[in-house]
Amino acid sequence: MTVIRTALPYAIAAAAVLSLAAGWPHAQTSTPLQLEAKIPLGDVRGRIDHLAIDVGRRRLFVAELGNDSVGVIDLAAGKVIHRISGLAEPQGVGYVPATDTLFVANARDGSVRMFRGTDYAPAGQIDLGSDADNIRIDAAAGRLFVGYGNGALAVIDAATGRKTADIPLQAHPESFRLDRNSARIFVNLPAVRAITVVDSATGKEQAVWPMRDAAGNFPMALDDDRVLVGFRDPAKLGVFAAKDGRVLALLDSCGDTDDLFADSKRGYILMSCGDGFLDVFSAETDSYARIARIRTAAGARTSLFVPELDRLFLAVREVPDERAAIWEFRPTP
């Protein structure tokens, strides 16, 4: 068996020590994220970017940017079962169950490449031009959105694999999120220190929220009527009202963050950071607080929370003390 299981007594103790050191009102006696497994990626070097999931097959896709490949992990077996090679700095990955297709966005050549979910054979390619990045899937409408270039979201028909439209933006988009309750898309534009809100139906900009208190707004998540944003300069978690961009909270966080998720079941906000930590925040109504900081590994800044599996997967790149791996965390209680 490839997967490595651990009880993590050190991490639990470390979380408690860190909570005391940070001056939190209630020290944690147990961590809200329990490390369950480390799944080795093999001979993978360099930066690892985003992750995606095929829930039906329990397969995790890993954008191994520095390796020009995408790793395919069988989560039940706890091992890599396939590697898609010959890519061009893959950044975003997205799986569409309705068409059983994996989409991979590549930074170096600006392509979005498609692969069959059955055997990962090539199934087509869309050339966007440059810096194809994050992918988001609108399953109900049967389409994808891909951030790319100096400022655009490409709209792709999932069934035909063809680009149907472009939504122009002021700058290159980093993380963006689709509001399931409306046609709005919230988009991080760190180059202009703003969040823009666009109408996915018309492709028109509805609002721009200037980021005055922090810069480097890269990761984003939606939590009901709140927009959660991770900042790098300084390291902060920002909480904004989705209705009008009003600032609800701004909290200190771990540094060099690149992914952020809401665990609505427990009222947690989960943030992964390249400075080697996971931060967990509580998100009660009108009240926010950091409740744990868990040590991981340097450069481990991308992650994926999968509510259907109730797991957080963290991409850990190879560093002197760690081999490249996916760390699997189980939220508690």
C-alpha atoms as a PDB file:
ATOM      1  CA  MET A   1       0.000   0.000   0.000  1.00  0.00           C
ATOM      2  CA  THR A   2       1.422   3.381  -0.993  1.00  0.00           C
ATOM      3  CA  VAL A   3      -0.542   5.529   1.392  1.00  0.00           C
ATOM      4  CA  ILE A   4       1.126   6.443   4.695  1.00  0.00           C
ATOM      5  CA  ARG A   5      -1.142   6.717   7.742  1.00  0.00           C
ATOM      6  CA  THR A   6      -0.297   8.768  10.822  1.00  0.00           C
ATOM      7  CA  ALA A   7      -1.947   9.643  14.125  1.00  0.00           C
ATOM      8  CA  LEU A   8      -0.227  13.045  14.284  1.00  0.00           C
ATOM      9  CA  PRO A   9       0.243  13.478  18.050  1.00  0.00           C
ATOM     10  CA  TYR A  10       2.912  16.094  17.315  1.00  0.00           C
ATOM     11  CA  ALA A  11       0.627  18.166  15.098  1.00  0.00           C
ATOM     12  CA  ILE A  12      -2.138  18.119  17.684  1.00  0.00           C
ATOM     13  CA  ALA A  13       0.267  19.288  20.361  1.00  0.00           C
ATOM     14  CA  ALA A  14       1.714  21.895  18.021  1.00  0.00           C
ATOM     15  CA  ALA A  15      -1.739  23.282  17.278  1.00  0.00           C
ATOM     16  CA  ALA A  16      -2.374  23.697  20.975  1.00  0.00           C
ATOM     17  CA  VAL A  17       0.991  25.400  21.519  1.00  0.00           C
ATOM     18  CA  LEU A  18       0.432  27.745  18.605  1.00  0.00           C
ATOM     19  CA  SER A  19      -3.028  28.681  19.828  1.00  0.00           C
ATOM     20  CA  LEU A  20      -1.577  29.663  23.207  1.00  0.00           C
ATOM     21  CA  ALA A  21       1.301  31.530  21.615  1.00  0.00           C
ATOM     22  CA  ALA A  22      -1.089  33.520  19.451  1.00  0.00           C
ATOM     23  CA  GLY A  23      -3.031  34.587  22.502  1.00  0.00           C
ATOM     24  CA  TRP A  24      -6.292  32.955  21.449  1.00  0.00           C
ATOM     25  CA  PRO A  25      -8.952  32.926  24.149  1.00  0.00           C
ATOM     26  CA  HIS A  26      -9.383  29.132  24.128  1.00  0.00           C
ATOM     27  CA  ALA A  27      -6.418  26.855  23.531  1.00  0.00           C
ATOM     28  CA  GLN A  28      -7.144  23.907  21.230  1.00  0.00           C
ATOM     29  CA  THR A  29      -6.808  20.489  22.816  1.00  0.00           C
ATOM     30  CA  SER A  30      -7.346  18.813  19.445  1.00  0.00           C
ATOM     31  CA  THR A  31      -6.856  19.980  15.897  1.00  0.00           C
ATOM     32  CA  PRO A  32      -9.891  20.697  13.678  1.00  0.00           C
ATOM     33  CA  LEU A  33      -8.005  19.023  10.807  1.00  0.00           C
ATOM     34  CA  GLN A  34      -6.681  15.520  11.422  1.00  0.00           C
ATOM     35  CA  LEU A  35      -3.974  14.305   9.034  1.00  0.00           C
ATOM     36  CA  GLU A  36      -5.032  10.836   7.866  1.00  0.00           C
ATOM     37  CA  ALA A  37      -2.690  10.027   4.993  1.00  0.00           C
ATOM     38  CA  LYS A  38       0.255  11.083   2.888  1.00  0.00           C
ATOM     39  CA  ILE A  39      -0.001   9.871  -0.709  1.00  0.00           C
ATOM     40  CA  PRO A  40       3.406  10.020  -2.442  1.00  0.00           C
ATOM     41  CA  LEU A  41       3.476  11.571  -5.912  1.00  0.00           C
ATOM     42  CA  GLY A  42       6.718   9.879  -6.913  1.00  0.00           C
ATOM     43  CA  ASP A  43       9.440  11.698  -8.834  1.00  0.00           C
ATOM     44  CA  VAL A  44       7.651  15.052  -9.051  1.00  0.00           C
ATOM     45  CA  ARG A  45       9.717  18.203  -8.643  1.00  0.00           C
ATOM     46  CA  GLY A  46       8.932  21.890  -8.681  1.00  0.00           C
ATOM     47  CA  ARG A  47       5.737  23.796  -8.120  1.00  0.00           C
ATOM     48  CA  ILE A  48       2.390  22.019  -7.761  1.00  0.00           C
ATOM     49  CA  ASP A  49      -0.710  24.010  -8.634  1.00  0.00           C
ATOM     50  CA  HIS A  50      -4.421  23.303  -8.370  1.00  0.00           C
ATOM     51  CA  LEU A  51      -6.429  20.122  -7.779  1.00  0.00           C
ATOM     52  CA  ALA A  52      -9.721  18.685  -9.027  1.00  0.00           C
ATOM     53  CA  ILE A  53     -11.852  15.651  -8.191  1.00  0.00           C
ATOM     54  CA  ASP A  54     -13.769  12.902  -9.964  1.00  0.00           C
ATOM     55  CA  VAL A  55     -16.035  12.031  -7.038  1.00  0.00           C
ATOM     56  CA  GLY A  56     -17.662   9.042  -8.728  1.00  0.00           C
ATOM     57  CA  ARG A  57     -14.349   7.248  -9.291  1.00  0.00           C
ATOM     58  CA  ARG A  58     -12.735   8.798  -6.187  1.00  0.00           C
ATOM     59  CA  ARG A  59      -9.856  10.111  -8.251  1.00  0.00           C
ATOM     60  CA  LEU A  60      -7.901  13.259  -7.504  1.00  0.00           C
ATOM     61  CA  PHE A  61      -6.191  15.249 -10.260  1.00  0.00           C
ATOM     62  CA  VAL A  62      -2.990  17.128  -9.398  1.00  0.00           C
ATOM     63  CA  ALA A  63      -1.595  19.894 -11.634  1.00  0.00           C
ATOM     64  CA  GLU A  64       2.147  19.207 -11.414  1.00  0.00           C
ATOM     65  CA  LEU A  65       3.162  22.511 -13.000  1.00  0.00           C
ATOM     66  CA  GLY A  66       6.914  22.127 -12.577  1.00  0.00           C
ATOM     67  CA  ASN A  67       6.723  18.613 -14.011  1.00  0.00           C
ATOM     68  CA  ASP A  68       4.535  19.539 -17.033  1.00  0.00           C
ATOM     69  CA  SER A  69       2.161  16.773 -15.977  1.00  0.00           C
ATOM     70  CA  VAL A  70      -1.095  15.954 -14.216  1.00  0.00           C
ATOM     71  CA  GLY A  71      -1.081  13.142 -11.692  1.00  0.00           C
ATOM     72  CA  VAL A  72      -4.151  10.939 -11.257  1.00  0.00           C
ATOM     73  CA  ILE A  73      -4.589   9.509  -7.759  1.00  0.00           C
ATOM     74  CA  ASP A  74      -6.893   6.649  -6.859  1.00  0.00           C
ATOM     75  CA  LEU A  75      -7.965   7.724  -3.382  1.00  0.00           C
ATOM     76  CA  ALA A  76      -9.319   4.296  -2.441  1.00  0.00           C
ATOM     77  CA  ALA A  77      -5.979   2.672  -3.254  1.00  0.00           C
ATOM     78  CA  GLY A  78      -3.957   5.615  -1.958  1.00  0.00           C
ATOM     79  CA  LYS A  79      -1.614   5.831  -4.927  1.00  0.00           C
ATOM     80  CA  VAL A  80      -0.917   7.474  -8.282  1.00  0.00           C
ATOM     81  CA  ILE A  81      -2.413   5.302 -11.015  1.00  0.00           C
ATOM     82  CA  HIS A  82      -1.728   7.457 -14.075  1.00  0.00           C
ATOM     83  CA  ARG A  83       0.252  10.499 -15.159  1.00  0.00           C
ATOM     84  CA  ILE A  84      -0.683  12.750 -18.096  1.00  0.00           C
ATOM     85  CA  SER A  85       2.623  14.075 -19.435  1.00  0.00           C
ATOM     86  CA  GLY A  86       3.689  16.476 -22.165  1.00  0.00           C
ATOM     87  CA  LEU A  87       1.703  19.433 -20.834  1.00  0.00           C
ATOM     88  CA  ALA A  88       2.839  23.069 -20.693  1.00  0.00           C
ATOM     89  CA  GLU A  89       2.855  24.256 -17.062  1.00  0.00           C
ATOM     90  CA  PRO A  90      -0.613  23.028 -16.060  1.00  0.00           C
ATOM     91  CA  GLN A  91      -2.298  25.344 -13.582  1.00  0.00           C
ATOM     92  CA  GLY A  92      -6.057  24.779 -13.488  1.00  0.00           C
ATOM     93  CA  VAL A  93      -7.836  21.426 -13.678  1.00  0.00           C
ATOM     94  CA  GLY A  94     -11.551  20.703 -13.842  1.00  0.00           C
ATOM     95  CA  TYR A  95     -13.549  17.513 -14.272  1.00  0.00           C
ATOM     96  CA  VAL A  96     -17.026  17.499 -15.873  1.00  0.00           C
ATOM     97  CA  PRO A  97     -19.006  14.354 -14.944  1.00  0.00           C
ATOM     98  CA  ALA A  98     -21.726  14.938 -17.552  1.00  0.00           C
ATOM     99  CA  THR A  99     -19.223  14.515 -20.397  1.00  0.00           C
ATOM    100  CA  ASP A 100     -16.661  12.466 -18.425  1.00  0.00           C
ATOM    101  CA  THR A 101     -13.954  14.903 -19.469  1.00  0.00           C
ATOM    102  CA  LEU A 102     -10.931  16.333 -17.686  1.00  0.00           C
ATOM    103  CA  PHE A 103      -9.975  19.896 -18.667  1.00  0.00           C
ATOM    104  CA  VAL A 104      -6.417  21.139 -18.043  1.00  0.00           C
ATOM    105  CA  ALA A 105      -5.422  24.825 -18.381  1.00  0.00           C
ATOM    106  CA  ASN A 106      -1.757  25.449 -19.314  1.00  0.00           C
ATOM    107  CA  ALA A 107       0.161  28.618 -18.505  1.00  0.00           C
ATOM    108  CA  ARG A 108       3.020  28.354 -20.979  1.00  0.00           C
ATOM    109  CA  ASP A 109       1.055  28.020 -24.207  1.00  0.00           C
ATOM    110  CA  GLY A 110      -2.362  29.244 -23.079  1.00  0.00           C
ATOM    111  CA  SER A 111      -4.099  26.016 -24.069  1.00  0.00           C
ATOM    112  CA  VAL A 112      -6.967  24.153 -22.445  1.00  0.00           C
ATOM    113  CA  ARG A 113      -6.493  20.456 -23.166  1.00  0.00           C
ATOM    114  CA  MET A 114      -9.201  17.820 -22.798  1.00  0.00           C
ATOM    115  CA  PHE A 115      -8.839  14.180 -21.766  1.00  0.00           C
ATOM    116  CA  ARG A 116     -11.330  11.335 -21.571  1.00  0.00           C
ATOM    117  CA  GLY A 117     -12.225  10.298 -18.048  1.00  0.00           C
ATOM    118  CA  THR A 118     -12.135   6.603 -18.871  1.00  0.00           C
ATOM    119  CA  ASP A 119      -8.507   6.344 -19.959  1.00  0.00           C
ATOM    120  CA  TYR A 120      -7.184   9.958 -20.022  1.00  0.00           C
ATOM    121  CA  ALA A 121      -6.604   9.835 -23.751  1.00  0.00           C
ATOM    122  CA  PRO A 122      -6.487  13.279 -25.476  1.00  0.00           C
ATOM    123  CA  ALA A 123      -9.949  14.521 -26.487  1.00  0.00           C
ATOM    124  CA  GLY A 124      -9.267  17.978 -27.934  1.00  0.00           C
ATOM    125  CA  GLN A 125      -7.634  21.336 -27.343  1.00  0.00           C
ATOM    126  CA  ILE A 126      -8.681  24.984 -27.102  1.00  0.00           C
ATOM    127  CA  ASP A 127      -6.037  27.660 -27.692  1.00  0.00           C
ATOM    128  CA  LEU A 128      -6.730  30.740 -25.585  1.00  0.00           C
ATOM    129  CA  GLY A 129      -3.435  32.511 -26.289  1.00  0.00           C
ATOM    130  CA  SER A 130      -1.592  32.896 -22.985  1.00  0.00           C
ATOM    131  CA  ASP A 131      -1.544  32.052 -19.275  1.00  0.00           C
ATOM    132  CA  ALA A 132      -4.594  29.784 -19.017  1.00  0.00           C
ATOM    133  CA  ASP A 133      -5.184  29.502 -15.285  1.00  0.00           C
ATOM    134  CA  ASN A 134      -8.108  28.731 -12.975  1.00  0.00           C
ATOM    135  CA  ILE A 135     -11.074  26.645 -14.133  1.00  0.00           C
ATOM    136  CA  ARG A 136     -14.596  26.795 -12.724  1.00  0.00           C
ATOM    137  CA  ILE A 137     -17.479  24.551 -13.783  1.00  0.00           C
ATOM    138  CA  ASP A 138     -21.126  25.559 -14.098  1.00  0.00           C
ATOM    139  CA  ALA A 139     -22.624  22.060 -14.131  1.00  0.00           C
ATOM    140  CA  ALA A 140     -26.230  23.249 -14.396  1.00  0.00           C
ATOM    141  CA  ALA A 141     -25.527  25.249 -17.558  1.00  0.00           C
ATOM    142  CA  GLY A 142     -23.050  22.740 -19.002  1.00  0.00           C
ATOM    143  CA  ARG A 143     -20.184  25.185 -19.362  1.00  0.00           C
ATOM    144  CA  LEU A 144     -16.765  26.086 -18.004  1.00  0.00           C
ATOM    145  CA  PHE A 145     -15.061  29.381 -17.271  1.00  0.00           C
ATOM    146  CA  VAL A 146     -11.283  29.672 -17.630  1.00  0.00           C
ATOM    147  CA  GLY A 147      -9.260  32.694 -16.540  1.00  0.00           C
ATOM    148  CA  TYR A 148      -6.479  33.621 -18.934  1.00  0.00           C
ATOM    149  CA  GLY A 149      -4.253  36.241 -20.551  1.00  0.00           C
ATOM    150  CA  ASN A 150      -4.074  39.884 -19.547  1.00  0.00           C
ATOM    151  CA  GLY A 151      -7.705  39.889 -18.490  1.00  0.00           C
ATOM    152  CA  ALA A 152     -10.494  37.570 -19.590  1.00  0.00           C
ATOM    153  CA  LEU A 153     -12.701  34.649 -18.693  1.00  0.00           C
ATOM    154  CA  ALA A 154     -13.219  32.212 -21.549  1.00  0.00           C
ATOM    155  CA  VAL A 155     -16.646  30.569 -21.658  1.00  0.00           C
ATOM    156  CA  ILE A 156     -16.449  26.967 -22.919  1.00  0.00           C
ATOM    157  CA  ASP A 157     -19.306  24.660 -23.844  1.00  0.00           C
ATOM    158  CA  ALA A 158     -18.656  21.428 -21.944  1.00  0.00           C
ATOM    159  CA  ALA A 159     -20.453  19.218 -24.467  1.00  0.00           C
ATOM    160  CA  THR A 160     -18.709  20.474 -27.610  1.00  0.00           C
ATOM    161  CA  GLY A 161     -15.408  21.574 -26.077  1.00  0.00           C
ATOM    162  CA  ARG A 162     -15.598  24.895 -27.918  1.00  0.00           C
ATOM    163  CA  LYS A 163     -15.140  28.438 -26.669  1.00  0.00           C
ATOM    164  CA  THR A 164     -18.406  30.317 -27.041  1.00  0.00           C
ATOM    165  CA  ALA A 165     -17.568  33.714 -25.536  1.00  0.00           C
ATOM    166  CA  ASP A 166     -15.075  35.898 -23.711  1.00  0.00           C
ATOM    167  CA  ILE A 167     -15.785  38.054 -20.668  1.00  0.00           C
ATOM    168  CA  PRO A 168     -13.286  40.960 -20.659  1.00  0.00           C
ATOM    169  CA  LEU A 169     -11.625  41.972 -17.381  1.00  0.00           C
ATOM    170  CA  GLN A 170      -9.295  44.783 -16.274  1.00  0.00           C
ATOM    171  CA  ALA A 171      -6.393  42.419 -15.498  1.00  0.00           C
ATOM    172  CA  HIS A 172      -5.429  38.763 -15.282  1.00  0.00           C
ATOM    173  CA  PRO A 173      -7.893  36.900 -13.053  1.00  0.00           C
ATOM    174  CA  GLU A 174      -6.698  34.811 -10.183  1.00  0.00           C
ATOM    175  CA  SER A 175      -9.273  32.827  -8.211  1.00  0.00           C
ATOM    176  CA  PHE A 176     -12.901  33.451  -9.147  1.00  0.00           C
ATOM    177  CA  ARG A 177     -16.166  31.918  -8.000  1.00  0.00           C
ATOM    178  CA  LEU A 178     -19.595  31.323  -9.536  1.00  0.00           C
ATOM    179  CA  ASP A 179     -22.575  32.302  -7.407  1.00  0.00           C
ATOM    180  CA  ARG A 180     -25.060  29.426  -7.606  1.00  0.00           C
ATOM    181  CA  ASN A 181     -27.903  31.689  -6.461  1.00  0.00           C
ATOM    182  CA  SER A 182     -27.467  34.249  -9.234  1.00  0.00           C
ATOM    183  CA  ALA A 183     -25.656  34.858 -12.502  1.00  0.00           C
ATOM    184  CA  ARG A 184     -22.820  36.671 -10.743  1.00  0.00           C
ATOM    185  CA  ILE A 185     -19.144  35.766 -10.951  1.00  0.00           C
ATOM    186  CA  PHE A 186     -16.796  37.232  -8.328  1.00  0.00           C
ATOM    187  CA  VAL A 187     -13.242  37.636  -9.654  1.00  0.00           C
ATOM    188  CA  ASN A 188      -9.964  38.481  -7.896  1.00  0.00           C
ATOM    189  CA  LEU A 189      -7.846  40.973  -9.866  1.00  0.00           C
ATOM    190  CA  PRO A 190      -4.705  41.416  -7.726  1.00  0.00           C
ATOM    191  CA  ALA A 191      -2.859  43.445 -10.375  1.00  0.00           C
ATOM    192  CA  VAL A 192      -5.373  46.286  -9.929  1.00  0.00           C
ATOM    193  CA  ARG A 193      -6.134  45.558  -6.236  1.00  0.00           C
ATOM    194  CA  ALA A 194      -9.795  44.858  -6.828  1.00  0.00           C
ATOM    195  CA  ILE A 195     -12.584  42.333  -6.931  1.00  0.00           C
ATOM    196  CA  THR A 196     -14.873  42.640  -9.921  1.00  0.00           C
ATOM    197  CA  VAL A 197     -18.413  41.303 -10.130  1.00  0.00           C
ATOM    198  CA  VAL A 198     -19.598  40.291 -13.598  1.00  0.00           C
ATOM    199  CA  ASP A 199     -22.879  38.971 -14.976  1.00  0.00           C
ATOM    200  CA  SER A 200     -22.231  35.535 -16.502  1.00  0.00           C
ATOM    201  CA  ALA A 201     -25.281  35.853 -18.767  1.00  0.00           C
ATOM    202  CA  THR A 202     -24.393  39.201 -20.327  1.00  0.00           C
ATOM    203  CA  GLY A 203     -20.624  39.235 -19.755  1.00  0.00           C
ATOM    204  CA  LYS A 204     -20.927  42.763 -18.346  1.00  0.00           C
ATOM    205  CA  GLU A 205     -19.225  44.157 -15.282  1.00  0.00           C
ATOM    206  CA  GLN A 206     -21.716  44.930 -12.509  1.00  0.00           C
ATOM    207  CA  ALA A 207     -19.438  46.295  -9.791  1.00  0.00           C
ATOM    208  CA  VAL A 208     -15.821  46.826  -8.775  1.00  0.00           C
ATOM    209  CA  TRP A 209     -14.718  46.579  -5.151  1.00  0.00           C
ATOM    210  CA  PRO A 210     -11.371  48.328  -4.513  1.00  0.00           C
ATOM    211  CA  MET A 211      -9.102  46.528  -2.019  1.00  0.00           C
ATOM    212  CA  ARG A 212      -7.824  49.358   0.179  1.00  0.00           C
ATOM    213  CA  ASP A 213      -6.582  47.511   3.266  1.00  0.00           C
ATOM    214  CA  ALA A 214      -4.579  44.680   1.709  1.00  0.00           C
ATOM    215  CA  ALA A 215      -3.113  43.560  -1.624  1.00  0.00           C
ATOM    216  CA  GLY A 216      -2.306  40.277  -3.352  1.00  0.00           C
ATOM    217  CA  ASN A 217      -5.874  38.971  -3.332  1.00  0.00           C
ATOM    218  CA  PHE A 218      -5.369  35.491  -4.811  1.00  0.00           C
ATOM    219  CA  PRO A 219      -7.652  32.772  -3.326  1.00  0.00           C
ATOM    220  CA  MET A 220     -11.421  33.176  -3.014  1.00  0.00           C
ATOM    221  CA  ALA A 221     -14.397  31.186  -1.732  1.00  0.00           C
ATOM    222  CA  LEU A 222     -18.122  31.826  -1.370  1.00  0.00           C
ATOM    223  CA  ASP A 223     -20.009  31.116   1.837  1.00  0.00           C
ATOM    224  CA  ASP A 224     -23.720  31.837   1.454  1.00  0.00           C
ATOM    225  CA  ASP A 225     -23.931  35.637   1.219  1.00  0.00           C
ATOM    226  CA  ARG A 226     -20.247  36.213   1.988  1.00  0.00           C
ATOM    227  CA  VAL A 227     -17.177  36.422  -0.231  1.00  0.00           C
ATOM    228  CA  LEU A 228     -14.004  35.089   1.425  1.00  0.00           C
ATOM    229  CA  VAL A 229     -10.670  36.365   0.109  1.00  0.00           C
ATOM    230  CA  GLY A 230      -7.075  35.549   1.041  1.00  0.00           C
ATOM    231  CA  PHE A 231      -4.498  38.348   0.822  1.00  0.00           C
ATOM    232  CA  ARG A 232      -0.715  38.065   0.659  1.00  0.00           C
ATOM    233  CA  ASP A 233       0.339  41.656   1.411  1.00  0.00           C
ATOM    234  CA  PRO A 234      -0.153  41.726   4.315  1.00  0.00           C
ATOM    235  CA  ALA A 235      -1.302  38.167   5.048  1.00  0.00           C
ATOM    236  CA  LYS A 236      -5.004  38.481   5.809  1.00  0.00           C
ATOM    237  CA  LEU A 237      -8.370  36.788   5.502  1.00  0.00           C
ATOM    238  CA  GLY A 238     -11.009  39.211   4.259  1.00  0.00           C
ATOM    239  CA  VAL A 239     -14.752  38.630   4.570  1.00  0.00           C
ATOM    240  CA  PHE A 240     -17.031  40.717   2.352  1.00  0.00           C
ATOM    241  CA  ALA A 241     -20.790  41.017   1.972  1.00  0.00           C
ATOM    242  CA  ALA A 242     -21.686  39.518  -1.418  1.00  0.00           C
ATOM    243  CA  LYS A 243     -24.451  42.078  -1.885  1.00  0.00           C
ATOM    244  CA  ASP A 244     -22.291  45.194  -1.923  1.00  0.00           C
ATOM    245  CA  GLY A 245     -18.659  44.386  -1.026  1.00  0.00           C
ATOM    246  CA  ARG A 246     -18.906  45.755   2.491  1.00  0.00           C
ATOM    247  CA  VAL A 247     -15.996  44.591   4.685  1.00  0.00           C
ATOM    248  CA  LEU A 248     -17.295  42.298   7.426  1.00  0.00           C
ATOM    249  CA  ALA A 249     -13.949  41.163   8.836  1.00  0.00           C
ATOM    250  CA  LEU A 250     -10.213  41.347   8.203  1.00  0.00           C
ATOM    251  CA  LEU A 251      -8.099  38.893  10.176  1.00  0.00           C
ATOM    252  CA  ASP A 252      -4.410  37.998  10.322  1.00  0.00           C
ATOM    253  CA  SER A 253      -3.617  34.767   8.496  1.00  0.00           C
ATOM    254  CA  CYS A 254      -0.771  32.528   7.385  1.00  0.00           C
ATOM    255  CA  GLY A 255       1.351  33.843   4.508  1.00  0.00           C
ATOM    256  CA  ASP A 256       1.586  33.148   0.761  1.00  0.00           C
ATOM    257  CA  THR A 257      -1.916  31.725   0.556  1.00  0.00           C
ATOM    258  CA  ASP A 258      -3.263  30.243  -2.687  1.00  0.00           C
ATOM    259  CA  ASP A 259      -6.408  28.314  -1.734  1.00  0.00           C
ATOM    260  CA  LEU A 260      -9.362  28.973   0.530  1.00  0.00           C
ATOM    261  CA  PHE A 261     -12.560  27.016   1.247  1.00  0.00           C
ATOM    262  CA  ALA A 262     -15.704  27.185   3.350  1.00  0.00           C
ATOM    263  CA  ASP A 263     -16.708  24.091   5.314  1.00  0.00           C
ATOM    264  CA  SER A 264     -20.363  24.988   5.827  1.00  0.00           C
ATOM    265  CA  LYS A 265     -21.049  21.793   7.801  1.00  0.00           C
ATOM    266  CA  ARG A 266     -18.851  22.983  10.672  1.00  0.00           C
ATOM    267  CA  GLY A 267     -18.724  26.711  10.074  1.00  0.00           C
ATOM    268  CA  TYR A 268     -14.997  26.549   9.266  1.00  0.00           C
ATOM    269  CA  ILE A 269     -12.922  28.555   6.804  1.00  0.00           C
ATOM    270  CA  LEU A 270      -9.886  26.571   5.627  1.00  0.00           C
ATOM    271  CA  MET A 271      -6.809  28.349   4.221  1.00  0.00           C
ATOM    272  CA  SER A 272      -3.600  26.767   2.873  1.00  0.00           C
ATOM    273  CA  CYS A 273      -0.410  28.808   2.796  1.00  0.00           C
ATOM    274  CA  GLY A 274       3.035  28.540   1.243  1.00  0.00           C
ATOM    275  CA  ASP A 275       4.749  29.567   4.459  1.00  0.00           C
ATOM    276  CA  GLY A 276       3.995  26.058   5.701  1.00  0.00           C
ATOM    277  CA  PHE A 277       0.711  26.294   7.573  1.00  0.00           C
ATOM    278  CA  LEU A 278      -3.003  25.628   7.351  1.00  0.00           C
ATOM    279  CA  ASP A 279      -5.174  28.190   9.120  1.00  0.00           C
ATOM    280  CA  VAL A 280      -8.664  27.298  10.338  1.00  0.00           C
ATOM    281  CA  PHE A 281     -11.141  30.054  11.141  1.00  0.00           C
ATOM    282  CA  SER A 282     -14.582  29.863  12.703  1.00  0.00           C
ATOM    283  CA  ALA A 283     -17.261  31.647  10.712  1.00  0.00           C
ATOM    284  CA  GLU A 284     -20.225  32.191  12.953  1.00  0.00           C
ATOM    285  CA  THR A 285     -22.773  34.860  12.015  1.00  0.00           C
ATOM    286  CA  ASP A 286     -21.096  38.266  12.356  1.00  0.00           C
ATOM    287  CA  SER A 287     -18.193  36.726  14.261  1.00  0.00           C
ATOM    288  CA  TYR A 288     -14.885  35.378  12.942  1.00  0.00           C
ATOM    289  CA  ALA A 289     -11.805  34.053  14.687  1.00  0.00           C
ATOM    290  CA  ARG A 290      -8.779  31.917  13.915  1.00  0.00           C
ATOM    291  CA  ILE A 291      -9.101  28.708  15.935  1.00  0.00           C
ATOM    292  CA  ALA A 292      -6.075  26.710  14.772  1.00  0.00           C
ATOM    293  CA  ARG A 293      -2.802  26.946  12.881  1.00  0.00           C
ATOM    294  CA  ILE A 294      -1.421  23.606  11.717  1.00  0.00           C
ATOM    295  CA  ARG A 295       2.156  23.189  10.510  1.00  0.00           C
ATOM    296  CA  THR A 296       2.534  21.566   7.073  1.00  0.00           C
ATOM    297  CA  ALA A 297       5.516  22.100   4.719  1.00  0.00           C
ATOM    298  CA  ALA A 298       7.133  25.026   2.935  1.00  0.00           C
ATOM    299  CA  GLY A 299       5.520  25.789  -0.410  1.00  0.00           C
ATOM    300  CA  ALA A 300       2.357  23.770   0.304  1.00  0.00           C
ATOM    301  CA  ARG A 301      -0.059  26.506  -0.668  1.00  0.00           C
ATOM    302  CA  THR A 302      -2.614  24.776  -2.927  1.00  0.00           C
ATOM    303  CA  SER A 303      -5.391  22.529  -1.682  1.00  0.00           C
ATOM    304  CA  LEU A 304      -8.902  21.251  -2.375  1.00  0.00           C
ATOM    305  CA  PHE A 305     -11.765  20.743   0.041  1.00  0.00           C
ATOM    306  CA  VAL A 306     -14.252  18.115  -1.170  1.00  0.00           C
ATOM    307  CA  PRO A 307     -17.524  18.261   0.825  1.00  0.00           C
ATOM    308  CA  GLU A 308     -18.797  15.030  -0.761  1.00  0.00           C
ATOM    309  CA  LEU A 309     -15.841  13.158   0.746  1.00  0.00           C
ATOM    310  CA  ASP A 310     -15.477  15.448   3.770  1.00  0.00           C
ATOM    311  CA  ARG A 311     -11.753  15.759   3.150  1.00  0.00           C
ATOM    312  CA  LEU A 312      -9.166  18.479   2.539  1.00  0.00           C
ATOM    313  CA  PHE A 313      -6.347  17.542   0.163  1.00  0.00           C
ATOM    314  CA  LEU A 314      -3.107  19.545   0.396  1.00  0.00           C
ATOM    315  CA  ALA A 315      -0.468  19.548  -2.361  1.00  0.00           C
ATOM    316  CA  VAL A 316       3.015  19.335  -0.838  1.00  0.00           C
ATOM    317  CA  ARG A 317       5.900  19.949  -3.221  1.00  0.00           C
ATOM    318  CA  GLU A 318       9.292  18.319  -2.783  1.00  0.00           C
ATOM    319  CA  VAL A 319      11.506  20.151  -0.275  1.00  0.00           C
ATOM    320  CA  PRO A 320      14.641  18.964   1.550  1.00  0.00           C
ATOM    321  CA  ASP A 321      12.652  17.364   4.375  1.00  0.00           C
ATOM    322  CA  GLU A 322       9.590  16.199   2.405  1.00  0.00           C
ATOM    323  CA  ARG A 323       8.947  14.275  -0.801  1.00  0.00           C
ATOM    324  CA  ALA A 324       6.173  15.487  -3.093  1.00  0.00           C
ATOM    325  CA  ALA A 325       2.862  14.163  -1.828  1.00  0.00           C
ATOM    326  CA  ILE A 326      -0.819  14.814  -1.272  1.00  0.00           C
ATOM    327  CA  TRP A 327      -1.686  15.140   2.397  1.00  0.00           C
ATOM    328  CA  GLU A 328      -5.240  14.088   3.219  1.00  0.00           C
ATOM    329  CA  PHE A 329      -6.931  15.793   6.172  1.00  0.00           C
ATOM    330  CA  ARG A 330     -10.213  14.899   7.837  1.00  0.00           C
ATOM    331  CA  PRO A 331     -12.093  17.822   9.449  1.00  0.00           C
ATOM    332  CA  THR A 332     -13.273  17.232  13.008  1.00  0.00           C
ATOM    333  CA  PRO A 333     -15.595  16.763  14.752  1.00  0.00           C
END
